[in-house]
Amino acid sequence: MKVCLNCVSYDARVAYQCRDRRADPVAEKHLANYCEYFEMVRREFVSPSQDLSREAKARDTLKKLLGD
């Protein structure tokens, strides 16, 4: 669970993929490591049925935009 990909500071767009400059660089972000600045990211679960409705909304918006 303590992997960089689950941390609040993880950001693929910054140097060493970590926004916390105090942390030591980690080569393998998907493996467990020790970081004293680790804080678990809070994510909201989206069920597959909700994801389909999101897709349907996007399709309807696209149809309205293109006039279909």
Protein backbone atom coordinates (compact mmCIF):
# COMPACT_ATOMS: atom_id res chain seq x y z
CA MET A 1 0.00 0.00 0.00
CA LYS A 2 2.85 2.39 0.66
CA VAL A 3 3.80 2.98 -2.95
CA CYS A 4 4.33 6.33 -4.65
CA LEU A 5 1.33 5.81 -6.93
CA ASN A 6 -0.97 5.91 -3.85
CA CYS A 7 0.54 9.10 -2.42
CA VAL A 8 -1.01 12.57 -2.48
CA SER A 9 2.31 14.03 -3.65
CA TYR A 10 2.62 11.77 -6.70
CA ASP A 11 2.42 13.72 -9.94
CA ALA A 12 3.72 12.32 -13.23
CA ARG A 13 4.31 15.84 -14.61
CA VAL A 14 6.93 17.05 -12.11
CA ALA A 15 10.57 16.14 -11.51
CA TYR A 16 10.99 12.67 -9.97
CA GLN A 17 7.15 12.41 -10.09
CA CYS A 18 6.87 13.84 -6.56
CA ARG A 19 5.59 17.28 -5.55
CA ASP A 20 7.21 17.02 -2.11
CA ARG A 21 10.76 18.32 -2.56
CA ARG A 22 11.91 16.98 0.82
CA ALA A 23 11.38 13.34 -0.20
CA ASP A 24 14.22 11.25 -1.57
CA PRO A 25 13.86 10.18 -5.22
CA VAL A 26 12.41 6.69 -5.73
CA ALA A 27 13.25 4.76 -8.90
CA GLU A 28 10.38 2.26 -8.88
CA LYS A 29 7.13 4.05 -8.06
CA HIS A 30 4.97 0.91 -8.21
CA LEU A 31 6.90 -1.00 -5.52
CA ALA A 32 6.66 -0.59 -1.75
CA ASN A 33 9.13 1.89 -0.27
CA TYR A 34 9.71 3.94 2.83
CA CYS A 35 8.89 7.62 2.66
CA GLU A 36 8.30 9.64 5.79
CA TYR A 37 6.19 12.14 3.82
CA PHE A 38 3.77 9.52 2.46
CA GLU A 39 0.08 10.40 2.74
CA MET A 40 -2.59 8.15 1.23
CA VAL A 41 -4.56 9.75 -1.59
CA ARG A 42 -8.34 9.82 -1.19
CA ARG A 43 -10.15 8.49 -4.25
CA GLU A 44 -13.83 8.05 -4.90
CA PHE A 45 -14.98 4.68 -6.21
CA VAL A 46 -16.90 4.81 -9.48
CA SER A 47 -18.81 1.65 -10.29
CA PRO A 48 -18.89 0.42 -13.90
CA SER A 49 -22.61 1.17 -14.15
CA GLN A 50 -21.98 4.83 -13.30
CA ASP A 51 -19.17 4.90 -15.84
CA LEU A 52 -21.57 3.78 -18.60
CA SER A 53 -23.98 6.59 -17.80
CA ARG A 54 -21.07 9.01 -18.03
CA GLU A 55 -20.28 7.62 -21.48
CA ALA A 56 -23.92 8.00 -22.53
CA LYS A 57 -23.94 11.64 -21.37
CA ALA A 58 -20.77 12.32 -23.37
CA ARG A 59 -22.29 10.73 -26.47
CA ASP A 60 -25.47 12.82 -26.12
CA THR A 61 -23.45 16.00 -25.73
CA LEU A 62 -21.43 15.13 -28.84
CA LYS A 63 -24.61 14.44 -30.83
CA LYS A 64 -26.04 17.81 -29.77
CA LEU A 65 -22.80 19.53 -30.74
CA LEU A 66 -22.66 17.94 -34.18
CA GLY A 67 -26.39 18.29 -34.82
CA ASP A 68 -27.16 14.57 -35.16
